[in-house]
Amino acid sequence: MRNALNGLYKAGGLLAAFFIVAICMIVMGQVVLNLIDRIAGLLFEEAIGLTIPSYADFAGFFLAASSFLALAYTLREGGHIRVTLLLGHIPHKFRHIAEIWCLALVTFITLYFTYYMGSLVLESYEYQDMSSGMVAIPIWIPQSSLLLGLAILSIALIDELILVLMGRDASYEGKEENLLENTAEGEG
């Protein structure tokens, strides 16, 4: 079960990375087309008008997808910003209770957002909502990536909550220090 969950979180991270690369490719493609258009304008005194239709819309959809799909993986790797200054000064017994409370609260909030995102995707599908760019695509398609990211995050948070309730440290514990050390080594 642990391997399946870790694989799910990693798959979300890999999908997020794919969408980051897709953003880079679409933006670089548009930059190249702008350059060709500019050169054509200088040579022939008239621009060709090359463009990737709705490239800004697609880049925005890809950004939302990468942001949401990376949430669970980032949580498991300790990359989210947490209030460790306060938690570090609380006695271990109370810290454990505070950690449970925080995880329970954020799990509830994330499940709430996941439910309503699912409702929004279903509504967009039923009403056949389309994007407003040059290339009109069904809006439920990019919304689905947000729903998937929230669903994976909900699973990760439930996973973390169960671990902490069982008395174990959360998977992200101690990883903040590793991130800080790696950052400091890169600067020095």
N, C-alpha and C. Protein backbone atom coordinates (compact mmCIF):
# COMPACT_ATOMS: atom_id res chain seq x y z
N MET A 1 0.82 -1.19 0.00
CA MET A 1 0.00 0.00 0.00
C MET A 1 0.87 1.26 0.00
N ARG A 2 1.94 1.23 0.81
CA ARG A 2 2.83 2.40 0.90
C ARG A 2 3.45 2.70 -0.46
N ASN A 3 3.89 1.64 -1.18
CA ASN A 3 4.48 1.85 -2.49
C ASN A 3 3.48 2.44 -3.48
N ALA A 4 2.23 1.99 -3.41
CA ALA A 4 1.20 2.51 -4.30
C ALA A 4 0.94 3.99 -4.02
N LEU A 5 0.85 4.36 -2.74
CA LEU A 5 0.63 5.77 -2.39
C LEU A 5 1.81 6.64 -2.81
N ASN A 6 3.02 6.17 -2.52
CA ASN A 6 4.20 6.94 -2.93
C ASN A 6 4.27 7.07 -4.45
N GLY A 7 3.87 6.01 -5.15
CA GLY A 7 3.82 6.07 -6.61
C GLY A 7 2.80 7.08 -7.11
N LEU A 8 1.66 7.16 -6.42
CA LEU A 8 0.64 8.14 -6.77
C LEU A 8 1.16 9.56 -6.60
N TYR A 9 1.82 9.81 -5.47
CA TYR A 9 2.36 11.15 -5.21
C TYR A 9 3.44 11.50 -6.22
N LYS A 10 4.28 10.53 -6.54
CA LYS A 10 5.35 10.76 -7.51
C LYS A 10 4.77 10.99 -8.91
N ALA A 11 3.71 10.25 -9.25
CA ALA A 11 3.06 10.44 -10.55
C ALA A 11 2.50 11.86 -10.66
N GLY A 12 1.91 12.36 -9.58
CA GLY A 12 1.44 13.74 -9.58
C GLY A 12 2.58 14.72 -9.80
N GLY A 13 3.71 14.47 -9.14
CA GLY A 13 4.89 15.32 -9.31
C GLY A 13 5.43 15.26 -10.73
N LEU A 14 5.44 14.08 -11.31
CA LEU A 14 5.92 13.93 -12.69
C LEU A 14 4.99 14.61 -13.69
N LEU A 15 3.69 14.49 -13.46
CA LEU A 15 2.73 15.20 -14.32
C LEU A 15 2.91 16.70 -14.21
N ALA A 16 3.15 17.17 -12.98
CA ALA A 16 3.40 18.61 -12.78
C ALA A 16 4.64 19.04 -13.55
N ALA A 17 5.68 18.23 -13.49
CA ALA A 17 6.91 18.55 -14.23
C ALA A 17 6.66 18.56 -15.73
N PHE A 18 5.85 17.62 -16.21
CA PHE A 18 5.48 17.59 -17.63
C PHE A 18 4.83 18.90 -18.04
N PHE A 19 3.90 19.39 -17.21
CA PHE A 19 3.21 20.63 -17.56
C PHE A 19 4.13 21.85 -17.50
N ILE A 20 5.12 21.82 -16.60
CA ILE A 20 6.11 22.91 -16.57
C ILE A 20 6.92 22.91 -17.87
N VAL A 21 7.32 21.72 -18.32
CA VAL A 21 8.05 21.61 -19.58
C VAL A 21 7.16 22.06 -20.74
N ALA A 22 5.88 21.71 -20.68
CA ALA A 22 4.95 22.13 -21.73
C ALA A 22 4.82 23.65 -21.78
N ILE A 23 4.81 24.29 -20.61
CA ILE A 23 4.77 25.76 -20.58
C ILE A 23 6.01 26.32 -21.26
N CYS A 24 7.17 25.77 -20.91
CA CYS A 24 8.43 26.24 -21.52
C CYS A 24 8.39 26.06 -23.03
N MET A 25 7.92 24.92 -23.49
CA MET A 25 7.90 24.65 -24.93
C MET A 25 6.96 25.60 -25.67
N ILE A 26 5.78 25.82 -25.11
CA ILE A 26 4.81 26.67 -25.80
C ILE A 26 5.28 28.13 -25.81
N VAL A 27 5.88 28.58 -24.73
CA VAL A 27 6.38 29.96 -24.67
C VAL A 27 7.58 30.12 -25.60
N MET A 28 8.50 29.13 -25.57
CA MET A 28 9.66 29.20 -26.47
C MET A 28 9.21 29.16 -27.94
N GLY A 29 8.22 28.34 -28.23
CA GLY A 29 7.69 28.28 -29.59
C GLY A 29 7.14 29.62 -30.03
N GLN A 30 6.40 30.28 -29.14
CA GLN A 30 5.84 31.59 -29.49
C GLN A 30 6.94 32.63 -29.64
N VAL A 31 7.98 32.56 -28.82
CA VAL A 31 9.11 33.49 -28.94
C VAL A 31 9.79 33.30 -30.30
N VAL A 32 10.01 32.08 -30.70
CA VAL A 32 10.63 31.80 -32.00
C VAL A 32 9.74 32.34 -33.12
N LEU A 33 8.43 32.11 -33.02
CA LEU A 33 7.52 32.63 -34.05
C LEU A 33 7.52 34.15 -34.07
N ASN A 34 7.59 34.79 -32.92
CA ASN A 34 7.68 36.26 -32.87
C ASN A 34 8.97 36.74 -33.53
N LEU A 35 10.07 36.02 -33.29
CA LEU A 35 11.35 36.38 -33.88
C LEU A 35 11.30 36.24 -35.40
N ILE A 36 10.74 35.14 -35.88
CA ILE A 36 10.60 34.94 -37.33
C ILE A 36 9.72 36.04 -37.92
N ASP A 37 8.66 36.35 -37.22
CA ASP A 37 7.74 37.40 -37.68
C ASP A 37 8.44 38.75 -37.75
N ARG A 38 9.26 39.02 -36.74
CA ARG A 38 10.00 40.30 -36.69
C ARG A 38 11.02 40.39 -37.84
N ILE A 39 11.74 39.29 -38.06
CA ILE A 39 12.73 39.26 -39.15
C ILE A 39 12.03 39.41 -40.50
N ALA A 40 10.89 38.73 -40.66
CA ALA A 40 10.13 38.85 -41.91
C ALA A 40 9.65 40.29 -42.11
N GLY A 41 9.27 40.94 -41.01
CA GLY A 41 8.86 42.34 -41.10
C GLY A 41 9.99 43.24 -41.53
N LEU A 42 11.20 42.97 -41.06
CA LEU A 42 12.36 43.77 -41.46
C LEU A 42 12.77 43.51 -42.91
N LEU A 43 12.70 42.24 -43.32
CA LEU A 43 13.12 41.88 -44.67
C LEU A 43 12.08 42.24 -45.74
N PHE A 44 10.83 41.99 -45.44
CA PHE A 44 9.78 42.16 -46.44
C PHE A 44 8.84 43.32 -46.14
N GLU A 45 9.15 44.09 -45.12
CA GLU A 45 8.36 45.25 -44.69
C GLU A 45 6.92 44.91 -44.33
N GLU A 46 6.69 43.64 -44.09
CA GLU A 46 5.36 43.21 -43.65
C GLU A 46 5.50 41.96 -42.80
N ALA A 47 4.93 41.99 -41.61
CA ALA A 47 4.99 40.82 -40.72
C ALA A 47 4.05 39.73 -41.23
N ILE A 48 4.45 38.51 -40.98
CA ILE A 48 3.65 37.37 -41.43
C ILE A 48 2.45 37.16 -40.50
N GLY A 49 2.64 37.44 -39.22
CA GLY A 49 1.57 37.26 -38.24
C GLY A 49 1.54 35.85 -37.66
N LEU A 50 2.71 35.28 -37.47
CA LEU A 50 2.80 33.93 -36.91
C LEU A 50 2.46 33.94 -35.42
N THR A 51 1.65 33.00 -35.01
CA THR A 51 1.31 32.86 -33.59
C THR A 51 0.82 31.45 -33.30
N ILE A 52 1.00 31.04 -32.09
CA ILE A 52 0.39 29.80 -31.61
C ILE A 52 -0.97 30.21 -31.06
N PRO A 53 -2.04 29.76 -31.69
CA PRO A 53 -3.37 30.18 -31.23
C PRO A 53 -3.60 29.84 -29.76
N SER A 54 -4.06 30.83 -29.01
CA SER A 54 -4.40 30.67 -27.58
C SER A 54 -3.23 30.20 -26.73
N TYR A 55 -2.00 30.54 -27.14
CA TYR A 55 -0.85 30.06 -26.37
C TYR A 55 -0.88 30.56 -24.93
N ALA A 56 -1.35 31.77 -24.69
CA ALA A 56 -1.42 32.29 -23.33
C ALA A 56 -2.45 31.52 -22.51
N ASP A 57 -3.56 31.15 -23.13
CA ASP A 57 -4.57 30.36 -22.44
C ASP A 57 -4.01 28.99 -22.06
N PHE A 58 -3.34 28.36 -23.02
CA PHE A 58 -2.76 27.04 -22.75
C PHE A 58 -1.69 27.12 -21.67
N ALA A 59 -0.87 28.15 -21.72
CA ALA A 59 0.16 28.32 -20.68
C ALA A 59 -0.49 28.48 -19.31
N GLY A 60 -1.58 29.22 -19.24
CA GLY A 60 -2.31 29.38 -17.98
C GLY A 60 -2.91 28.07 -17.50
N PHE A 61 -3.50 27.30 -18.41
CA PHE A 61 -4.05 25.99 -18.03
C PHE A 61 -2.94 25.07 -17.53
N PHE A 62 -1.80 25.10 -18.22
CA PHE A 62 -0.68 24.25 -17.83
C PHE A 62 -0.11 24.67 -16.47
N LEU A 63 -0.09 25.97 -16.21
CA LEU A 63 0.40 26.47 -14.93
C LEU A 63 -0.50 26.00 -13.79
N ALA A 64 -1.80 26.10 -13.98
CA ALA A 64 -2.74 25.63 -12.96
C ALA A 64 -2.57 24.13 -12.74
N ALA A 65 -2.44 23.38 -13.82
CA ALA A 65 -2.27 21.93 -13.71
C ALA A 65 -1.00 21.59 -12.95
N SER A 66 0.11 22.23 -13.31
CA SER A 66 1.38 21.92 -12.65
C SER A 66 1.34 22.31 -11.17
N SER A 67 0.70 23.42 -10.86
CA SER A 67 0.62 23.85 -9.46
C SER A 67 -0.16 22.87 -8.61
N PHE A 68 -1.31 22.45 -9.08
CA PHE A 68 -2.16 21.57 -8.28
C PHE A 68 -1.65 20.13 -8.26
N LEU A 69 -1.11 19.66 -9.38
CA LEU A 69 -0.61 18.28 -9.41
C LEU A 69 0.63 18.09 -8.55
N ALA A 70 1.36 19.15 -8.30
CA ALA A 70 2.58 19.06 -7.49
C ALA A 70 2.32 19.13 -5.99
N LEU A 71 1.12 19.47 -5.57
CA LEU A 71 0.84 19.71 -4.15
C LEU A 71 1.15 18.52 -3.26
N ALA A 72 0.67 17.34 -3.61
CA ALA A 72 0.87 16.16 -2.75
C ALA A 72 2.34 15.77 -2.70
N TYR A 73 3.00 15.76 -3.84
CA TYR A 73 4.42 15.41 -3.87
C TYR A 73 5.23 16.40 -3.04
N THR A 74 4.92 17.68 -3.17
CA THR A 74 5.63 18.70 -2.42
C THR A 74 5.40 18.55 -0.92
N LEU A 75 4.17 18.20 -0.54
CA LEU A 75 3.86 17.95 0.87
C LEU A 75 4.71 16.81 1.41
N ARG A 76 4.76 15.71 0.70
CA ARG A 76 5.50 14.54 1.15
C ARG A 76 7.01 14.79 1.23
N GLU A 77 7.48 15.70 0.40
CA GLU A 77 8.91 16.02 0.40
C GLU A 77 9.27 17.15 1.36
N GLY A 78 8.28 17.68 2.07
CA GLY A 78 8.54 18.74 3.05
C GLY A 78 8.77 20.09 2.41
N GLY A 79 8.27 20.31 1.21
CA GLY A 79 8.51 21.55 0.51
C GLY A 79 7.49 22.65 0.78
N HIS A 80 6.41 22.33 1.46
CA HIS A 80 5.42 23.37 1.78
C HIS A 80 5.90 24.21 2.95
N ILE A 81 5.49 25.44 2.95
CA ILE A 81 5.84 26.34 4.05
C ILE A 81 4.98 25.96 5.25
N ARG A 82 5.63 25.74 6.37
CA ARG A 82 4.93 25.38 7.60
C ARG A 82 5.38 26.30 8.71
N VAL A 83 4.57 26.37 9.74
CA VAL A 83 4.90 27.21 10.88
C VAL A 83 5.71 26.37 11.87
N THR A 84 6.99 26.17 11.54
CA THR A 84 7.83 25.34 12.40
C THR A 84 8.42 26.15 13.54
N LEU A 85 8.45 27.46 13.42
CA LEU A 85 8.98 28.28 14.49
C LEU A 85 8.17 28.06 15.77
N LEU A 86 6.87 28.04 15.65
CA LEU A 86 6.00 27.81 16.81
C LEU A 86 6.05 26.34 17.23
N LEU A 87 5.91 25.44 16.27
CA LEU A 87 5.88 24.01 16.60
C LEU A 87 7.19 23.53 17.21
N GLY A 88 8.29 24.14 16.83
CA GLY A 88 9.59 23.74 17.37
C GLY A 88 9.77 24.05 18.85
N HIS A 89 8.98 24.97 19.38
CA HIS A 89 9.10 25.36 20.78
C HIS A 89 8.01 24.76 21.67
N ILE A 90 7.14 23.99 21.08
CA ILE A 90 6.08 23.32 21.85
C ILE A 90 6.61 21.97 22.33
N PRO A 91 6.33 21.60 23.58
CA PRO A 91 6.75 20.26 24.05
C PRO A 91 6.19 19.17 23.13
N HIS A 92 6.94 18.07 23.04
CA HIS A 92 6.62 17.01 22.07
C HIS A 92 5.17 16.53 22.19
N LYS A 93 4.68 16.35 23.42
CA LYS A 93 3.32 15.85 23.62
C LYS A 93 2.31 16.82 23.01
N PHE A 94 2.48 18.10 23.25
CA PHE A 94 1.55 19.09 22.72
C PHE A 94 1.79 19.33 21.23
N ARG A 95 3.02 19.15 20.80
CA ARG A 95 3.32 19.31 19.38
C ARG A 95 2.58 18.26 18.58
N HIS A 96 2.54 17.05 19.12
CA HIS A 96 1.83 15.95 18.45
C HIS A 96 0.34 16.29 18.32
N ILE A 97 -0.24 16.84 19.35
CA ILE A 97 -1.66 17.23 19.33
C ILE A 97 -1.87 18.38 18.33
N ALA A 98 -0.96 19.34 18.34
CA ALA A 98 -1.07 20.46 17.39
C ALA A 98 -0.93 19.97 15.95
N GLU A 99 -0.04 19.02 15.73
CA GLU A 99 0.15 18.45 14.39
C GLU A 99 -1.12 17.74 13.94
N ILE A 100 -1.74 16.98 14.84
CA ILE A 100 -2.99 16.29 14.51
C ILE A 100 -4.08 17.31 14.17
N TRP A 101 -4.18 18.34 15.00
CA TRP A 101 -5.21 19.36 14.77
C TRP A 101 -5.00 20.04 13.41
N CYS A 102 -3.77 20.41 13.12
CA CYS A 102 -3.47 21.08 11.84
C CYS A 102 -3.77 20.17 10.66
N LEU A 103 -3.33 18.92 10.75
CA LEU A 103 -3.57 17.99 9.65
C LEU A 103 -5.06 17.72 9.48
N ALA A 104 -5.80 17.58 10.58
CA ALA A 104 -7.24 17.34 10.49
C ALA A 104 -7.94 18.53 9.84
N LEU A 105 -7.55 19.73 10.23
CA LEU A 105 -8.17 20.94 9.68
C LEU A 105 -7.88 21.07 8.19
N VAL A 106 -6.61 20.94 7.81
CA VAL A 106 -6.26 21.11 6.39
C VAL A 106 -6.84 19.96 5.56
N THR A 107 -6.97 18.77 6.12
CA THR A 107 -7.59 17.66 5.40
C THR A 107 -9.06 17.97 5.14
N PHE A 108 -9.76 18.47 6.15
CA PHE A 108 -11.16 18.84 5.99
C PHE A 108 -11.31 19.93 4.91
N ILE A 109 -10.48 20.95 4.97
CA ILE A 109 -10.56 22.05 4.00
C ILE A 109 -10.27 21.54 2.59
N THR A 110 -9.27 20.69 2.46
CA THR A 110 -8.91 20.17 1.14
C THR A 110 -10.00 19.26 0.59
N LEU A 111 -10.59 18.43 1.44
CA LEU A 111 -11.71 17.59 1.00
C LEU A 111 -12.89 18.46 0.54
N TYR A 112 -13.13 19.54 1.25
CA TYR A 112 -14.19 20.48 0.89
C TYR A 112 -13.92 21.07 -0.50
N PHE A 113 -12.68 21.55 -0.72
CA PHE A 113 -12.32 22.10 -2.03
C PHE A 113 -12.39 21.05 -3.13
N THR A 114 -11.98 19.83 -2.81
CA THR A 114 -12.02 18.75 -3.79
C THR A 114 -13.46 18.46 -4.21
N TYR A 115 -14.35 18.40 -3.24
CA TYR A 115 -15.76 18.15 -3.52
C TYR A 115 -16.33 19.24 -4.44
N TYR A 116 -16.08 20.49 -4.09
CA TYR A 116 -16.63 21.58 -4.89
C TYR A 116 -15.95 21.72 -6.24
N MET A 117 -14.69 21.36 -6.33
CA MET A 117 -14.03 21.36 -7.65
C MET A 117 -14.65 20.27 -8.51
N GLY A 118 -14.95 19.13 -7.90
CA GLY A 118 -15.63 18.06 -8.64
C GLY A 118 -16.99 18.51 -9.14
N SER A 119 -17.71 19.25 -8.30
CA SER A 119 -19.02 19.79 -8.71
C SER A 119 -18.86 20.77 -9.87
N LEU A 120 -17.82 21.60 -9.81
CA LEU A 120 -17.57 22.58 -10.87
C LEU A 120 -17.22 21.88 -12.19
N VAL A 121 -16.39 20.85 -12.12
CA VAL A 121 -16.02 20.10 -13.33
C VAL A 121 -17.26 19.45 -13.93
N LEU A 122 -18.08 18.85 -13.09
CA LEU A 122 -19.31 18.21 -13.57
C LEU A 122 -20.26 19.23 -14.20
N GLU A 123 -20.40 20.38 -13.56
CA GLU A 123 -21.26 21.44 -14.10
C GLU A 123 -20.73 21.94 -15.44
N SER A 124 -19.42 22.15 -15.53
CA SER A 124 -18.82 22.61 -16.78
C SER A 124 -19.03 21.59 -17.89
N TYR A 125 -18.95 20.31 -17.53
CA TYR A 125 -19.17 19.24 -18.50
C TYR A 125 -20.63 19.21 -18.95
N GLU A 126 -21.56 19.29 -18.00
CA GLU A 126 -22.98 19.22 -18.33
C GLU A 126 -23.44 20.41 -19.18
N TYR A 127 -22.93 21.61 -18.89
CA TYR A 127 -23.33 22.80 -19.63
C TYR A 127 -22.44 23.07 -20.84
N GLN A 128 -21.48 22.19 -21.07
CA GLN A 128 -20.57 22.28 -22.21
C GLN A 128 -19.90 23.65 -22.30
N ASP A 129 -19.40 24.13 -21.14
CA ASP A 129 -18.67 25.40 -21.08
C ASP A 129 -17.39 25.28 -21.90
N MET A 130 -17.10 26.33 -22.65
CA MET A 130 -15.91 26.36 -23.49
C MET A 130 -15.02 27.52 -23.06
N SER A 131 -13.72 27.38 -23.31
CA SER A 131 -12.79 28.48 -23.02
C SER A 131 -13.05 29.60 -24.03
N SER A 132 -12.61 30.80 -23.67
CA SER A 132 -12.94 31.96 -24.51
C SER A 132 -11.83 32.37 -25.48
N GLY A 133 -10.77 31.59 -25.57
CA GLY A 133 -9.66 31.95 -26.45
C GLY A 133 -9.94 31.65 -27.91
N MET A 134 -8.91 31.86 -28.74
CA MET A 134 -9.03 31.55 -30.17
C MET A 134 -9.35 30.08 -30.39
N VAL A 135 -8.76 29.24 -29.57
CA VAL A 135 -9.04 27.82 -29.62
C VAL A 135 -9.96 27.51 -28.44
N ALA A 136 -11.22 27.30 -28.74
CA ALA A 136 -12.19 27.02 -27.69
C ALA A 136 -12.13 25.54 -27.35
N ILE A 137 -11.78 25.26 -26.09
CA ILE A 137 -11.76 23.87 -25.64
C ILE A 137 -12.73 23.74 -24.48
N PRO A 138 -13.28 22.54 -24.29
CA PRO A 138 -14.17 22.34 -23.15
C PRO A 138 -13.42 22.65 -21.85
N ILE A 139 -13.97 23.54 -21.05
CA ILE A 139 -13.27 24.03 -19.87
C ILE A 139 -13.13 22.95 -18.79
N TRP A 140 -13.93 21.91 -18.87
CA TRP A 140 -13.81 20.84 -17.87
C TRP A 140 -12.48 20.10 -18.02
N ILE A 141 -11.87 20.17 -19.18
CA ILE A 141 -10.59 19.46 -19.36
C ILE A 141 -9.49 20.08 -18.51
N PRO A 142 -9.22 21.39 -18.60
CA PRO A 142 -8.20 21.94 -17.68
C PRO A 142 -8.65 21.91 -16.22
N GLN A 143 -9.95 22.02 -15.97
CA GLN A 143 -10.43 21.95 -14.58
C GLN A 143 -10.17 20.57 -13.99
N SER A 144 -10.19 19.55 -14.82
CA SER A 144 -9.97 18.18 -14.33
C SER A 144 -8.58 18.00 -13.72
N SER A 145 -7.60 18.72 -14.26
CA SER A 145 -6.26 18.60 -13.70
C SER A 145 -6.21 19.18 -12.28
N LEU A 146 -6.98 20.24 -12.04
CA LEU A 146 -7.06 20.81 -10.70
C LEU A 146 -7.75 19.83 -9.76
N LEU A 147 -8.83 19.22 -10.24
CA LEU A 147 -9.54 18.22 -9.45
C LEU A 147 -8.63 17.04 -9.11
N LEU A 148 -7.88 16.56 -10.09
CA LEU A 148 -6.96 15.45 -9.85
C LEU A 148 -5.91 15.82 -8.81
N GLY A 149 -5.34 17.01 -8.95
CA GLY A 149 -4.34 17.47 -7.98
C GLY A 149 -4.91 17.57 -6.58
N LEU A 150 -6.11 18.11 -6.45
CA LEU A 150 -6.75 18.22 -5.13
C LEU A 150 -7.08 16.84 -4.56
N ALA A 151 -7.52 15.92 -5.42
CA ALA A 151 -7.84 14.56 -4.95
C ALA A 151 -6.57 13.86 -4.44
N ILE A 152 -5.46 14.00 -5.17
CA ILE A 152 -4.21 13.39 -4.72
C ILE A 152 -3.74 14.04 -3.42
N LEU A 153 -3.88 15.36 -3.32
CA LEU A 153 -3.52 16.04 -2.07
C LEU A 153 -4.39 15.58 -0.92
N SER A 154 -5.67 15.38 -1.16
CA SER A 154 -6.56 14.88 -0.10
C SER A 154 -6.11 13.51 0.39
N ILE A 155 -5.75 12.65 -0.53
CA ILE A 155 -5.26 11.32 -0.17
C ILE A 155 -3.97 11.44 0.65
N ALA A 156 -3.07 12.32 0.22
CA ALA A 156 -1.80 12.50 0.93
C ALA A 156 -2.03 13.03 2.34
N LEU A 157 -2.97 13.96 2.49
CA LEU A 157 -3.25 14.51 3.81
C LEU A 157 -3.89 13.48 4.73
N ILE A 158 -4.80 12.67 4.18
CA ILE A 158 -5.39 11.60 4.98
C ILE A 158 -4.30 10.62 5.39
N ASP A 159 -3.41 10.31 4.47
CA ASP A 159 -2.27 9.43 4.74
C ASP A 159 -1.42 10.00 5.89
N GLU A 160 -1.10 11.29 5.80
CA GLU A 160 -0.29 11.93 6.85
C GLU A 160 -1.03 11.93 8.19
N LEU A 161 -2.31 12.23 8.16
CA LEU A 161 -3.10 12.26 9.39
C LEU A 161 -3.12 10.89 10.06
N ILE A 162 -3.28 9.84 9.27
CA ILE A 162 -3.27 8.48 9.83
C ILE A 162 -1.91 8.16 10.43
N LEU A 163 -0.84 8.53 9.74
CA LEU A 163 0.52 8.30 10.28
C LEU A 163 0.70 8.99 11.63
N VAL A 164 0.28 10.25 11.71
CA VAL A 164 0.46 11.02 12.94
C VAL A 164 -0.45 10.48 14.04
N LEU A 165 -1.66 10.07 13.70
CA LEU A 165 -2.56 9.48 14.70
C LEU A 165 -2.01 8.16 15.25
N MET A 166 -1.25 7.45 14.43
CA MET A 166 -0.63 6.19 14.87
C MET A 166 0.63 6.44 15.70
N GLY A 167 0.99 7.72 15.89
CA GLY A 167 2.15 8.04 16.71
C GLY A 167 3.45 8.18 15.95
N ARG A 168 3.40 8.05 14.66
CA ARG A 168 4.60 8.21 13.85
C ARG A 168 4.80 9.67 13.48
N ASP A 169 6.02 9.99 13.08
CA ASP A 169 6.28 11.33 12.56
C ASP A 169 5.71 11.43 11.16
N ALA A 170 5.24 12.60 10.82
CA ALA A 170 4.76 12.83 9.46
C ALA A 170 5.93 12.68 8.49
N SER A 171 5.63 12.33 7.25
CA SER A 171 6.69 12.09 6.26
C SER A 171 7.53 13.32 6.00
N TYR A 172 6.95 14.50 6.18
CA TYR A 172 7.67 15.73 5.90
C TYR A 172 8.52 16.19 7.07
N GLU A 173 8.42 15.55 8.23
CA GLU A 173 9.21 15.95 9.40
C GLU A 173 10.70 15.82 9.12
N GLY A 174 11.43 16.84 9.45
CA GLY A 174 12.88 16.82 9.29
C GLY A 174 13.35 17.17 7.89
N LYS A 175 12.43 17.15 6.94
CA LYS A 175 12.84 17.45 5.57
C LYS A 175 13.05 18.94 5.36
N GLU A 176 12.44 19.78 6.22
CA GLU A 176 12.66 21.23 6.10
C GLU A 176 14.13 21.55 6.33
N GLU A 177 14.71 20.90 7.35
CA GLU A 177 16.12 21.14 7.65
C GLU A 177 17.01 20.72 6.49
N ASN A 178 16.67 19.59 5.87
CA ASN A 178 17.44 19.12 4.71
C ASN A 178 17.36 20.12 3.56
N LEU A 179 16.17 20.68 3.35
CA LEU A 179 16.02 21.68 2.29
C LEU A 179 16.85 22.92 2.59
N LEU A 180 16.83 23.34 3.85
CA LEU A 180 17.62 24.52 4.23
C LEU A 180 19.10 24.26 4.08
N GLU A 181 19.55 23.06 4.49
CA GLU A 181 20.97 22.73 4.36
C GLU A 181 21.39 22.70 2.90
N ASN A 182 20.56 22.09 2.03
CA ASN A 182 20.88 22.02 0.61
C ASN A 182 20.91 23.40 -0.02
N THR A 183 20.01 24.28 0.41
CA THR A 183 19.98 25.63 -0.11
C THR A 183 21.23 26.40 0.34
N ALA A 184 21.61 26.23 1.61
CA ALA A 184 22.79 26.91 2.13
C ALA A 184 24.06 26.43 1.44
N GLU A 185 24.13 25.13 1.15
CA GLU A 185 25.32 24.59 0.46
C GLU A 185 25.40 25.15 -0.96
N GLY A 186 24.25 25.32 -1.61
CA GLY A 186 24.23 25.86 -2.97
C GLY A 186 24.66 27.31 -3.03
N GLU A 187 24.40 28.07 -1.95
CA GLU A 187 24.77 29.47 -1.92
C GLU A 187 26.23 29.66 -1.56
N GLY A 188 26.78 28.74 -0.76
CA GLY A 188 28.14 28.90 -0.25
C GLY A 188 29.13 28.29 -1.11
